[in-house]
Structure formats: structure tokens, C-alpha cells
Amino acid sequence: MTLTDLLENERLALVYLSKQLIWADREFSKVETILLREMATAMGNKTWTELTRSLKDRLKSEQDVMDLVHGVERPEARTLIHTTLHKLAESDGLVEAEKEILDWVAKAWEI
């Protein structure tokens, strides 16, 4: 499975969680920029931009975030997203705040 195989809700989860990871350490490194661009290219830049813009409208509460994450049901999508997030978090050194996000996702998805 690749990023292009993700369903819309799975893509939205990846975009949202990626942004949370990037800002978790309050730094946006050059390596993270490169990895985000690679993800956007893989998904399609237009799709990435549309998903990013829709975050504010679609995720207004913690419950919305929980529903989004739990809405990712396919095991192969969960694995791909978690692996992608882990790579992103480790790209500039894994910090505790990033680890907490990764652990929360792993627990939610039982992986």
C-alpha cells in the first residue's frame, strides 16, 4: 500500500497527524519540510492542499479528532500512516511530545 491508496478520511488523518507531529517540538526542520513535500507529491499536491485547508472546518473539537483517528479502520492504512508518521518524527530527532502522539495513535489503532 502507498499513500495514493489511502481513502479520503485516511489521508485527512495523515495530514492532520503530520501537522501535529511537526509542531509538537515547536520546530519545523528542513528535513520535515522535505518529507512533507514528498507526502504531498505522493498524494497529489492539489489533494494535500485541499485536505490541509479543510482541517479547520472538519476538526473543530477533540471529539472530531478522535472520530477521525478511529475512522481509519483498514489495518494496512493504519500501518502505513503510523510508519509514515514515525519516519517524520524521527527525521529531526524524536522528542517526548512526538512520542506521545505516536503512542496515542498506536494505542487507538492497537498496533
PDB file of N, CA and C in Angstrom:
ATOM      1  N   MET A   1       0.846  -1.176   0.000  1.00  0.00           N
ATOM      2  CA  MET A   1       0.000   0.000   0.000  1.00  0.00           C
ATOM      3  C   MET A   1       0.889   1.237   0.000  1.00  0.00           C
ATOM      4  N   THR A   2       0.442   2.253  -0.738  1.00  0.00           N
ATOM      5  CA  THR A   2       1.145   3.534  -0.788  1.00  0.00           C
ATOM      6  C   THR A   2       0.173   4.649  -0.397  1.00  0.00           C
ATOM      7  N   LEU A   3       0.692   5.839  -0.265  1.00  0.00           N
ATOM      8  CA  LEU A   3      -0.146   6.975   0.124  1.00  0.00           C
ATOM      9  C   LEU A   3      -1.282   7.218  -0.860  1.00  0.00           C
ATOM     10  N   THR A   4      -1.063   6.906  -2.122  1.00  0.00           N
ATOM     11  CA  THR A   4      -2.120   7.108  -3.117  1.00  0.00           C
ATOM     12  C   THR A   4      -3.279   6.140  -2.920  1.00  0.00           C
ATOM     13  N   ASP A   5      -3.056   5.066  -2.191  1.00  0.00           N
ATOM     14  CA  ASP A   5      -4.105   4.078  -1.938  1.00  0.00           C
ATOM     15  C   ASP A   5      -4.987   4.435  -0.743  1.00  0.00           C
ATOM     16  N   LEU A   6      -4.606   5.462  -0.003  1.00  0.00           N
ATOM     17  CA  LEU A   6      -5.389   5.845   1.168  1.00  0.00           C
ATOM     18  C   LEU A   6      -6.725   6.450   0.762  1.00  0.00           C
ATOM     19  N   LEU A   7      -7.746   6.136   1.537  1.00  0.00           N
ATOM     20  CA  LEU A   7      -9.060   6.740   1.348  1.00  0.00           C
ATOM     21  C   LEU A   7      -9.022   8.174   1.871  1.00  0.00           C
ATOM     22  N   GLU A   8     -10.036   8.970   1.531  1.00  0.00           N
ATOM     23  CA  GLU A   8     -10.020  10.388   1.910  1.00  0.00           C
ATOM     24  C   GLU A   8      -9.878  10.588   3.418  1.00  0.00           C
ATOM     25  N   ASN A   9     -10.637   9.839   4.217  1.00  0.00           N
ATOM     26  CA  ASN A   9     -10.539  10.020   5.668  1.00  0.00           C
ATOM     27  C   ASN A   9      -9.163   9.605   6.185  1.00  0.00           C
ATOM     28  N   GLU A  10      -8.549   8.616   5.550  1.00  0.00           N
ATOM     29  CA  GLU A  10      -7.212   8.171   5.944  1.00  0.00           C
ATOM     30  C   GLU A  10      -6.179   9.236   5.579  1.00  0.00           C
ATOM     31  N   ARG A  11      -6.359   9.833   4.426  1.00  0.00           N
ATOM     32  CA  ARG A  11      -5.460  10.922   4.016  1.00  0.00           C
ATOM     33  C   ARG A  11      -5.589  12.112   4.961  1.00  0.00           C
ATOM     34  N   LEU A  12      -6.817  12.436   5.313  1.00  0.00           N
ATOM     35  CA  LEU A  12      -7.037  13.553   6.231  1.00  0.00           C
ATOM     36  C   LEU A  12      -6.370  13.270   7.579  1.00  0.00           C
ATOM     37  N   ALA A  13      -6.481  12.046   8.057  1.00  0.00           N
ATOM     38  CA  ALA A  13      -5.831  11.673   9.315  1.00  0.00           C
ATOM     39  C   ALA A  13      -4.319  11.837   9.204  1.00  0.00           C
ATOM     40  N   LEU A  14      -3.751  11.400   8.101  1.00  0.00           N
ATOM     41  CA  LEU A  14      -2.307  11.540   7.902  1.00  0.00           C
ATOM     42  C   LEU A  14      -1.895  13.007   7.878  1.00  0.00           C
ATOM     43  N   VAL A  15      -2.632  13.823   7.156  1.00  0.00           N
ATOM     44  CA  VAL A  15      -2.300  15.254   7.079  1.00  0.00           C
ATOM     45  C   VAL A  15      -2.387  15.886   8.468  1.00  0.00           C
ATOM     46  N   TYR A  16      -3.483  15.638   9.163  1.00  0.00           N
ATOM     47  CA  TYR A  16      -3.666  16.225  10.493  1.00  0.00           C
ATOM     48  C   TYR A  16      -2.563  15.771  11.453  1.00  0.00           C
ATOM     49  N   LEU A  17      -2.336  14.474  11.528  1.00  0.00           N
ATOM     50  CA  LEU A  17      -1.346  13.950  12.472  1.00  0.00           C
ATOM     51  C   LEU A  17       0.067  14.394  12.104  1.00  0.00           C
ATOM     52  N   SER A  18       0.354  14.523  10.822  1.00  0.00           N
ATOM     53  CA  SER A  18       1.666  15.026  10.392  1.00  0.00           C
ATOM     54  C   SER A  18       1.888  16.440  10.909  1.00  0.00           C
ATOM     55  N   LYS A  19       0.881  17.261  10.774  1.00  0.00           N
ATOM     56  CA  LYS A  19       1.000  18.642  11.246  1.00  0.00           C
ATOM     57  C   LYS A  19       1.156  18.694  12.769  1.00  0.00           C
ATOM     58  N   GLN A  20       0.458  17.827  13.474  1.00  0.00           N
ATOM     59  CA  GLN A  20       0.596  17.775  14.928  1.00  0.00           C
ATOM     60  C   GLN A  20       2.017  17.381  15.322  1.00  0.00           C
ATOM     61  N   LEU A  21       2.576  16.408  14.622  1.00  0.00           N
ATOM     62  CA  LEU A  21       3.946  15.976  14.912  1.00  0.00           C
ATOM     63  C   LEU A  21       4.950  17.087  14.645  1.00  0.00           C
ATOM     64  N   ILE A  22       4.785  17.760  13.537  1.00  0.00           N
ATOM     65  CA  ILE A  22       5.740  18.806  13.171  1.00  0.00           C
ATOM     66  C   ILE A  22       5.780  19.908  14.214  1.00  0.00           C
ATOM     67  N   TRP A  23       4.627  20.292  14.714  1.00  0.00           N
ATOM     68  CA  TRP A  23       4.590  21.387  15.679  1.00  0.00           C
ATOM     69  C   TRP A  23       4.759  20.921  17.121  1.00  0.00           C
ATOM     70  N   ALA A  24       4.818  19.621  17.342  1.00  0.00           N
ATOM     71  CA  ALA A  24       4.959  19.094  18.703  1.00  0.00           C
ATOM     72  C   ALA A  24       6.258  19.552  19.359  1.00  0.00           C
ATOM     73  N   ASP A  25       7.324  19.636  18.569  1.00  0.00           N
ATOM     74  CA  ASP A  25       8.606  20.076  19.134  1.00  0.00           C
ATOM     75  C   ASP A  25       8.845  21.567  18.894  1.00  0.00           C
ATOM     76  N   ARG A  26       7.835  22.255  18.383  1.00  0.00           N
ATOM     77  CA  ARG A  26       7.868  23.698  18.146  1.00  0.00           C
ATOM     78  C   ARG A  26       8.925  24.113  17.124  1.00  0.00           C
ATOM     79  N   GLU A  27       9.355  23.152  16.316  1.00  0.00           N
ATOM     80  CA  GLU A  27      10.332  23.431  15.267  1.00  0.00           C
ATOM     81  C   GLU A  27       9.857  22.791  13.974  1.00  0.00           C
ATOM     82  N   PHE A  28      10.184  23.430  12.874  1.00  0.00           N
ATOM     83  CA  PHE A  28       9.838  22.915  11.557  1.00  0.00           C
ATOM     84  C   PHE A  28      11.151  22.808  10.792  1.00  0.00           C
ATOM     85  N   SER A  29      11.747  21.626  10.832  1.00  0.00           N
ATOM     86  CA  SER A  29      13.081  21.450  10.274  1.00  0.00           C
ATOM     87  C   SER A  29      13.056  21.323   8.753  1.00  0.00           C
ATOM     88  N   LYS A  30      14.218  21.477   8.176  1.00  0.00           N
ATOM     89  CA  LYS A  30      14.369  21.341   6.728  1.00  0.00           C
ATOM     90  C   LYS A  30      14.019  19.917   6.284  1.00  0.00           C
ATOM     91  N   VAL A  31      14.430  18.942   7.071  1.00  0.00           N
ATOM     92  CA  VAL A  31      14.136  17.541   6.748  1.00  0.00           C
ATOM     93  C   VAL A  31      12.631  17.297   6.784  1.00  0.00           C
ATOM     94  N   GLU A  32      11.954  17.860   7.773  1.00  0.00           N
ATOM     95  CA  GLU A  32      10.496  17.719   7.850  1.00  0.00           C
ATOM     96  C   GLU A  32       9.826  18.354   6.633  1.00  0.00           C
ATOM     97  N   THR A  33      10.342  19.489   6.210  1.00  0.00           N
ATOM     98  CA  THR A  33       9.811  20.154   5.022  1.00  0.00           C
ATOM     99  C   THR A  33       9.926  19.245   3.806  1.00  0.00           C
ATOM    100  N   ILE A  34      11.062  18.620   3.662  1.00  0.00           N
ATOM    101  CA  ILE A  34      11.289  17.714   2.533  1.00  0.00           C
ATOM    102  C   ILE A  34      10.328  16.530   2.596  1.00  0.00           C
ATOM    103  N   LEU A  35      10.180  15.944   3.774  1.00  0.00           N
ATOM    104  CA  LEU A  35       9.284  14.795   3.915  1.00  0.00           C
ATOM    105  C   LEU A  35       7.830  15.173   3.655  1.00  0.00           C
ATOM    106  N   LEU A  36       7.414  16.336   4.119  1.00  0.00           N
ATOM    107  CA  LEU A  36       6.048  16.791   3.846  1.00  0.00           C
ATOM    108  C   LEU A  36       5.829  17.003   2.355  1.00  0.00           C
ATOM    109  N   ARG A  37       6.807  17.576   1.700  1.00  0.00           N
ATOM    110  CA  ARG A  37       6.694  17.773   0.248  1.00  0.00           C
ATOM    111  C   ARG A  37       6.587  16.432  -0.469  1.00  0.00           C
ATOM    112  N   GLU A  38       7.351  15.446  -0.005  1.00  0.00           N
ATOM    113  CA  GLU A  38       7.275  14.109  -0.599  1.00  0.00           C
ATOM    114  C   GLU A  38       5.888  13.503  -0.406  1.00  0.00           C
ATOM    115  N   MET A  39       5.319  13.680   0.787  1.00  0.00           N
ATOM    116  CA  MET A  39       3.971  13.171   1.042  1.00  0.00           C
ATOM    117  C   MET A  39       2.959  13.877   0.153  1.00  0.00           C
ATOM    118  N   ALA A  40       3.087  15.194   0.056  1.00  0.00           N
ATOM    119  CA  ALA A  40       2.156  15.971  -0.766  1.00  0.00           C
ATOM    120  C   ALA A  40       2.245  15.546  -2.228  1.00  0.00           C
ATOM    121  N   THR A  41       3.446  15.339  -2.700  1.00  0.00           N
ATOM    122  CA  THR A  41       3.636  14.905  -4.084  1.00  0.00           C
ATOM    123  C   THR A  41       3.042  13.518  -4.302  1.00  0.00           C
ATOM    124  N   ALA A  42       3.273  12.623  -3.353  1.00  0.00           N
ATOM    125  CA  ALA A  42       2.746  11.260  -3.474  1.00  0.00           C
ATOM    126  C   ALA A  42       1.219  11.243  -3.501  1.00  0.00           C
ATOM    127  N   MET A  43       0.600  12.084  -2.700  1.00  0.00           N
ATOM    128  CA  MET A  43      -0.862  12.150  -2.642  1.00  0.00           C
ATOM    129  C   MET A  43      -1.440  12.997  -3.759  1.00  0.00           C
ATOM    130  N   GLY A  44      -0.609  13.880  -4.263  1.00  0.00           N
ATOM    131  CA  GLY A  44      -1.062  14.885  -5.225  1.00  0.00           C
ATOM    132  C   GLY A  44      -1.116  16.213  -4.494  1.00  0.00           C
ATOM    133  N   ASN A  45      -0.380  17.176  -4.986  1.00  0.00           N
ATOM    134  CA  ASN A  45      -0.295  18.470  -4.299  1.00  0.00           C
ATOM    135  C   ASN A  45      -1.658  19.116  -4.110  1.00  0.00           C
ATOM    136  N   LYS A  46      -2.517  18.995  -5.114  1.00  0.00           N
ATOM    137  CA  LYS A  46      -3.851  19.586  -5.013  1.00  0.00           C
ATOM    138  C   LYS A  46      -4.639  18.923  -3.887  1.00  0.00           C
ATOM    139  N   THR A  47      -4.574  17.607  -3.821  1.00  0.00           N
ATOM    140  CA  THR A  47      -5.274  16.869  -2.762  1.00  0.00           C
ATOM    141  C   THR A  47      -4.749  17.276  -1.396  1.00  0.00           C
ATOM    142  N   TRP A  48      -3.424  17.326  -1.256  1.00  0.00           N
ATOM    143  CA  TRP A  48      -2.800  17.712   0.013  1.00  0.00           C
ATOM    144  C   TRP A  48      -3.277  19.097   0.446  1.00  0.00           C
ATOM    145  N   THR A  49      -3.257  20.038  -0.490  1.00  0.00           N
ATOM    146  CA  THR A  49      -3.675  21.407  -0.184  1.00  0.00           C
ATOM    147  C   THR A  49      -5.139  21.453   0.235  1.00  0.00           C
ATOM    148  N   GLU A  50      -5.988  20.745  -0.490  1.00  0.00           N
ATOM    149  CA  GLU A  50      -7.415  20.719  -0.151  1.00  0.00           C
ATOM    150  C   GLU A  50      -7.647  20.115   1.229  1.00  0.00           C
ATOM    151  N   LEU A  51      -6.949  19.036   1.539  1.00  0.00           N
ATOM    152  CA  LEU A  51      -7.096  18.409   2.854  1.00  0.00           C
ATOM    153  C   LEU A  51      -6.613  19.347   3.956  1.00  0.00           C
ATOM    154  N   THR A  52      -5.489  19.996   3.723  1.00  0.00           N
ATOM    155  CA  THR A  52      -4.949  20.933   4.711  1.00  0.00           C
ATOM    156  C   THR A  52      -5.935  22.067   4.976  1.00  0.00           C
ATOM    157  N   ARG A  53      -6.511  22.590   3.920  1.00  0.00           N
ATOM    158  CA  ARG A  53      -7.469  23.691   4.072  1.00  0.00           C
ATOM    159  C   ARG A  53      -8.740  23.252   4.781  1.00  0.00           C
ATOM    160  N   SER A  54      -9.108  21.999   4.605  1.00  0.00           N
ATOM    161  CA  SER A  54     -10.361  21.519   5.197  1.00  0.00           C
ATOM    162  C   SER A  54     -10.237  21.172   6.679  1.00  0.00           C
ATOM    163  N   LEU A  55      -9.022  21.126   7.197  1.00  0.00           N
ATOM    164  CA  LEU A  55      -8.830  20.727   8.597  1.00  0.00           C
ATOM    165  C   LEU A  55      -9.620  21.599   9.562  1.00  0.00           C
ATOM    166  N   LYS A  56      -9.571  22.908   9.383  1.00  0.00           N
ATOM    167  CA  LYS A  56     -10.250  23.818  10.313  1.00  0.00           C
ATOM    168  C   LYS A  56     -11.755  23.605  10.319  1.00  0.00           C
ATOM    169  N   ASP A  57     -12.311  23.336   9.147  1.00  0.00           N
ATOM    170  CA  ASP A  57     -13.761  23.141   9.050  1.00  0.00           C
ATOM    171  C   ASP A  57     -14.203  21.775   9.560  1.00  0.00           C
ATOM    172  N   ARG A  58     -13.358  20.778   9.392  1.00  0.00           N
ATOM    173  CA  ARG A  58     -13.757  19.413   9.713  1.00  0.00           C
ATOM    174  C   ARG A  58     -13.385  18.974  11.121  1.00  0.00           C
ATOM    175  N   LEU A  59     -12.376  19.604  11.686  1.00  0.00           N
ATOM    176  CA  LEU A  59     -11.901  19.189  13.007  1.00  0.00           C
ATOM    177  C   LEU A  59     -12.011  20.358  13.974  1.00  0.00           C
ATOM    178  N   LYS A  60     -13.171  20.498  14.569  1.00  0.00           N
ATOM    179  CA  LYS A  60     -13.434  21.633  15.453  1.00  0.00           C
ATOM    180  C   LYS A  60     -13.328  21.281  16.928  1.00  0.00           C
ATOM    181  N   SER A  61     -13.224  19.996  17.234  1.00  0.00           N
ATOM    182  CA  SER A  61     -13.174  19.587  18.636  1.00  0.00           C
ATOM    183  C   SER A  61     -12.294  18.351  18.781  1.00  0.00           C
ATOM    184  N   GLU A  62     -11.960  18.047  20.027  1.00  0.00           N
ATOM    185  CA  GLU A  62     -11.191  16.829  20.290  1.00  0.00           C
ATOM    186  C   GLU A  62     -11.961  15.597  19.847  1.00  0.00           C
ATOM    187  N   GLN A  63     -13.283  15.643  19.993  1.00  0.00           N
ATOM    188  CA  GLN A  63     -14.105  14.512  19.566  1.00  0.00           C
ATOM    189  C   GLN A  63     -14.010  14.306  18.057  1.00  0.00           C
ATOM    190  N   ASP A  64     -13.944  15.393  17.303  1.00  0.00           N
ATOM    191  CA  ASP A  64     -13.775  15.288  15.852  1.00  0.00           C
ATOM    192  C   ASP A  64     -12.461  14.591  15.514  1.00  0.00           C
ATOM    193  N   VAL A  65     -11.409  14.925  16.253  1.00  0.00           N
ATOM    194  CA  VAL A  65     -10.105  14.294  16.043  1.00  0.00           C
ATOM    195  C   VAL A  65     -10.182  12.811  16.391  1.00  0.00           C
ATOM    196  N   MET A  66     -10.800  12.500  17.521  1.00  0.00           N
ATOM    197  CA  MET A  66     -10.959  11.093  17.922  1.00  0.00           C
ATOM    198  C   MET A  66     -11.733  10.319  16.859  1.00  0.00           C
ATOM    199  N   ASP A  67     -12.808  10.914  16.376  1.00  0.00           N
ATOM    200  CA  ASP A  67     -13.619  10.255  15.351  1.00  0.00           C
ATOM    201  C   ASP A  67     -12.811  10.035  14.076  1.00  0.00           C
ATOM    202  N   LEU A  68     -12.002  11.017  13.710  1.00  0.00           N
ATOM    203  CA  LEU A  68     -11.169  10.884  12.522  1.00  0.00           C
ATOM    204  C   LEU A  68     -10.184   9.733  12.679  1.00  0.00           C
ATOM    205  N   VAL A  69      -9.469   9.719  13.788  1.00  0.00           N
ATOM    206  CA  VAL A  69      -8.464   8.680  14.011  1.00  0.00           C
ATOM    207  C   VAL A  69      -9.119   7.302  14.085  1.00  0.00           C
ATOM    208  N   HIS A  70     -10.199   7.192  14.815  1.00  0.00           N
ATOM    209  CA  HIS A  70     -10.871   5.894  14.926  1.00  0.00           C
ATOM    210  C   HIS A  70     -11.581   5.503  13.632  1.00  0.00           C
ATOM    211  N   GLY A  71     -11.801   6.472  12.753  1.00  0.00           N
ATOM    212  CA  GLY A  71     -12.416   6.183  11.460  1.00  0.00           C
ATOM    213  C   GLY A  71     -11.475   5.511  10.479  1.00  0.00           C
ATOM    214  N   VAL A  72     -10.186   5.507  10.796  1.00  0.00           N
ATOM    215  CA  VAL A  72      -9.219   4.781   9.971  1.00  0.00           C
ATOM    216  C   VAL A  72      -9.291   3.326  10.424  1.00  0.00           C
ATOM    217  N   GLU A  73      -9.946   2.512   9.625  1.00  0.00           N
ATOM    218  CA  GLU A  73     -10.230   1.143  10.045  1.00  0.00           C
ATOM    219  C   GLU A  73      -9.371   0.089   9.361  1.00  0.00           C
ATOM    220  N   ARG A  74      -8.897   0.375   8.169  1.00  0.00           N
ATOM    221  CA  ARG A  74      -8.136  -0.650   7.446  1.00  0.00           C
ATOM    222  C   ARG A  74      -6.759  -0.828   8.091  1.00  0.00           C
ATOM    223  N   PRO A  75      -6.420  -2.057   8.477  1.00  0.00           N
ATOM    224  CA  PRO A  75      -5.129  -2.305   9.130  1.00  0.00           C
ATOM    225  C   PRO A  75      -3.933  -1.846   8.299  1.00  0.00           C
ATOM    226  N   GLU A  76      -3.980  -2.070   7.001  1.00  0.00           N
ATOM    227  CA  GLU A  76      -2.848  -1.679   6.161  1.00  0.00           C
ATOM    228  C   GLU A  76      -2.715  -0.156   6.080  1.00  0.00           C
ATOM    229  N   ALA A  77      -3.822   0.557   6.143  1.00  0.00           N
ATOM    230  CA  ALA A  77      -3.770   2.023   6.160  1.00  0.00           C
ATOM    231  C   ALA A  77      -3.205   2.507   7.493  1.00  0.00           C
ATOM    232  N   ARG A  78      -3.641   1.890   8.570  1.00  0.00           N
ATOM    233  CA  ARG A  78      -3.118   2.257   9.887  1.00  0.00           C
ATOM    234  C   ARG A  78      -1.611   2.074   9.945  1.00  0.00           C
ATOM    235  N   THR A  79      -1.148   0.939   9.444  1.00  0.00           N
ATOM    236  CA  THR A  79       0.282   0.648   9.460  1.00  0.00           C
ATOM    237  C   THR A  79       1.052   1.656   8.616  1.00  0.00           C
ATOM    238  N   LEU A  80       0.560   1.935   7.423  1.00  0.00           N
ATOM    239  CA  LEU A  80       1.231   2.894   6.546  1.00  0.00           C
ATOM    240  C   LEU A  80       1.285   4.279   7.181  1.00  0.00           C
ATOM    241  N   ILE A  81       0.178   4.727   7.709  1.00  0.00           N
ATOM    242  CA  ILE A  81       0.134   6.058   8.324  1.00  0.00           C
ATOM    243  C   ILE A  81       1.068   6.119   9.526  1.00  0.00           C
ATOM    244  N   HIS A  82       1.013   5.115  10.389  1.00  0.00           N
ATOM    245  CA  HIS A  82       1.868   5.126  11.582  1.00  0.00           C
ATOM    246  C   HIS A  82       3.343   5.083  11.198  1.00  0.00           C
ATOM    247  N   THR A  83       3.691   4.270  10.225  1.00  0.00           N
ATOM    248  CA  THR A  83       5.078   4.186   9.765  1.00  0.00           C
ATOM    249  C   THR A  83       5.533   5.522   9.181  1.00  0.00           C
ATOM    250  N   THR A  84       4.675   6.148   8.396  1.00  0.00           N
ATOM    251  CA  THR A  84       4.987   7.450   7.802  1.00  0.00           C
ATOM    252  C   THR A  84       5.172   8.507   8.887  1.00  0.00           C
ATOM    253  N   LEU A  85       4.296   8.497   9.869  1.00  0.00           N
ATOM    254  CA  LEU A  85       4.404   9.446  10.979  1.00  0.00           C
ATOM    255  C   LEU A  85       5.684   9.218  11.776  1.00  0.00           C
ATOM    256  N   HIS A  86       6.019   7.959  12.005  1.00  0.00           N
ATOM    257  CA  HIS A  86       7.231   7.632  12.764  1.00  0.00           C
ATOM    258  C   HIS A  86       8.467   8.143  12.024  1.00  0.00           C
ATOM    259  N   LYS A  87       8.493   7.934  10.720  1.00  0.00           N
ATOM    260  CA  LYS A  87       9.614   8.424   9.907  1.00  0.00           C
ATOM    261  C   LYS A  87       9.720   9.945  10.006  1.00  0.00           C
ATOM    262  N   LEU A  88       8.594  10.612   9.944  1.00  0.00           N
ATOM    263  CA  LEU A  88       8.570  12.072  10.050  1.00  0.00           C
ATOM    264  C   LEU A  88       9.082  12.530  11.414  1.00  0.00           C
ATOM    265  N   ALA A  89       8.605  11.892  12.469  1.00  0.00           N
ATOM    266  CA  ALA A  89       9.005  12.275  13.830  1.00  0.00           C
ATOM    267  C   ALA A  89      10.490  12.040  14.073  1.00  0.00           C
ATOM    268  N   GLU A  90      11.018  10.956  13.543  1.00  0.00           N
ATOM    269  CA  GLU A  90      12.429  10.627  13.763  1.00  0.00           C
ATOM    270  C   GLU A  90      13.375  11.433  12.877  1.00  0.00           C
ATOM    271  N   SER A  91      12.840  12.096  11.873  1.00  0.00           N
ATOM    272  CA  SER A  91      13.692  12.770  10.890  1.00  0.00           C
ATOM    273  C   SER A  91      14.592  13.844  11.493  1.00  0.00           C
ATOM    274  N   ASP A  92      14.140  14.472  12.561  1.00  0.00           N
ATOM    275  CA  ASP A  92      14.965  15.505  13.196  1.00  0.00           C
ATOM    276  C   ASP A  92      15.172  15.215  14.679  1.00  0.00           C
ATOM    277  N   GLY A  93      15.028  13.962  15.044  1.00  0.00           N
ATOM    278  CA  GLY A  93      15.204  13.552  16.433  1.00  0.00           C
ATOM    279  C   GLY A  93      13.870  13.489  17.146  1.00  0.00           C
ATOM    280  N   LEU A  94      13.520  12.336  17.614  1.00  0.00           N
ATOM    281  CA  LEU A  94      12.238  12.103  18.282  1.00  0.00           C
ATOM    282  C   LEU A  94      12.246  12.744  19.669  1.00  0.00           C
ATOM    283  N   VAL A  95      11.272  13.612  19.915  1.00  0.00           N
ATOM    284  CA  VAL A  95      11.139  14.240  21.229  1.00  0.00           C
ATOM    285  C   VAL A  95       9.914  13.661  21.932  1.00  0.00           C
ATOM    286  N   GLU A  96       9.813  13.904  23.216  1.00  0.00           N
ATOM    287  CA  GLU A  96       8.747  13.318  24.029  1.00  0.00           C
ATOM    288  C   GLU A  96       7.353  13.662  23.506  1.00  0.00           C
ATOM    289  N   ALA A  97       7.145  14.898  23.109  1.00  0.00           N
ATOM    290  CA  ALA A  97       5.819  15.303  22.616  1.00  0.00           C
ATOM    291  C   ALA A  97       5.432  14.519  21.362  1.00  0.00           C
ATOM    292  N   GLU A  98       6.397  14.257  20.498  1.00  0.00           N
ATOM    293  CA  GLU A  98       6.131  13.459  19.297  1.00  0.00           C
ATOM    294  C   GLU A  98       5.860  12.007  19.668  1.00  0.00           C
ATOM    295  N   LYS A  99       6.630  11.508  20.623  1.00  0.00           N
ATOM    296  CA  LYS A  99       6.440  10.131  21.082  1.00  0.00           C
ATOM    297  C   LYS A  99       5.037   9.947  21.654  1.00  0.00           C
ATOM    298  N   GLU A 100       4.560  10.932  22.380  1.00  0.00           N
ATOM    299  CA  GLU A 100       3.211  10.849  22.952  1.00  0.00           C
ATOM    300  C   GLU A 100       2.146  10.746  21.865  1.00  0.00           C
ATOM    301  N   ILE A 101       2.312  11.512  20.795  1.00  0.00           N
ATOM    302  CA  ILE A 101       1.360  11.445  19.678  1.00  0.00           C
ATOM    303  C   ILE A 101       1.417  10.068  19.026  1.00  0.00           C
ATOM    304  N   LEU A 102       2.623   9.593  18.749  1.00  0.00           N
ATOM    305  CA  LEU A 102       2.779   8.273  18.129  1.00  0.00           C
ATOM    306  C   LEU A 102       2.208   7.171  19.011  1.00  0.00           C
ATOM    307  N   ASP A 103       2.454   7.260  20.305  1.00  0.00           N
ATOM    308  CA  ASP A 103       1.924   6.257  21.236  1.00  0.00           C
ATOM    309  C   ASP A 103       0.401   6.302  21.290  1.00  0.00           C
ATOM    310  N   TRP A 104      -0.166   7.504  21.275  1.00  0.00           N
ATOM    311  CA  TRP A 104      -1.621   7.652  21.301  1.00  0.00           C
ATOM    312  C   TRP A 104      -2.250   7.023  20.064  1.00  0.00           C
ATOM    313  N   VAL A 105      -1.648   7.281  18.900  1.00  0.00           N
ATOM    314  CA  VAL A 105      -2.154   6.703  17.650  1.00  0.00           C
ATOM    315  C   VAL A 105      -2.026   5.182  17.688  1.00  0.00           C
ATOM    316  N   ALA A 106      -0.880   4.685  18.125  1.00  0.00           N
ATOM    317  CA  ALA A 106      -0.673   3.236  18.197  1.00  0.00           C
ATOM    318  C   ALA A 106      -1.686   2.581  19.127  1.00  0.00           C
ATOM    319  N   LYS A 107      -1.965   3.225  20.235  1.00  0.00           N
ATOM    320  CA  LYS A 107      -2.953   2.688  21.174  1.00  0.00           C
ATOM    321  C   LYS A 107      -4.352   2.717  20.561  1.00  0.00           C
ATOM    322  N   ALA A 108      -4.702   3.826  19.925  1.00  0.00           N
ATOM    323  CA  ALA A 108      -6.030   3.948  19.306  1.00  0.00           C
ATOM    324  C   ALA A 108      -6.238   2.887  18.235  1.00  0.00           C
ATOM    325  N   TRP A 109      -5.169   2.565  17.524  1.00  0.00           N
ATOM    326  CA  TRP A 109      -5.261   1.611  16.421  1.00  0.00           C
ATOM    327  C   TRP A 109      -4.824   0.199  16.813  1.00  0.00           C
ATOM    328  N   GLU A 110      -4.424   0.039  18.064  1.00  0.00           N
ATOM    329  CA  GLU A 110      -3.986  -1.262  18.567  1.00  0.00           C
ATOM    330  C   GLU A 110      -2.877  -1.860  17.697  1.00  0.00           C
ATOM    331  N   ILE A 111      -1.862  -1.028  17.447  1.00  0.00           N
ATOM    332  CA  ILE A 111      -0.705  -1.508  16.675  1.00  0.00           C
ATOM    333  C   ILE A 111       0.563  -1.346  17.481  1.00  0.00           C
TER     334      ILE A 111
END
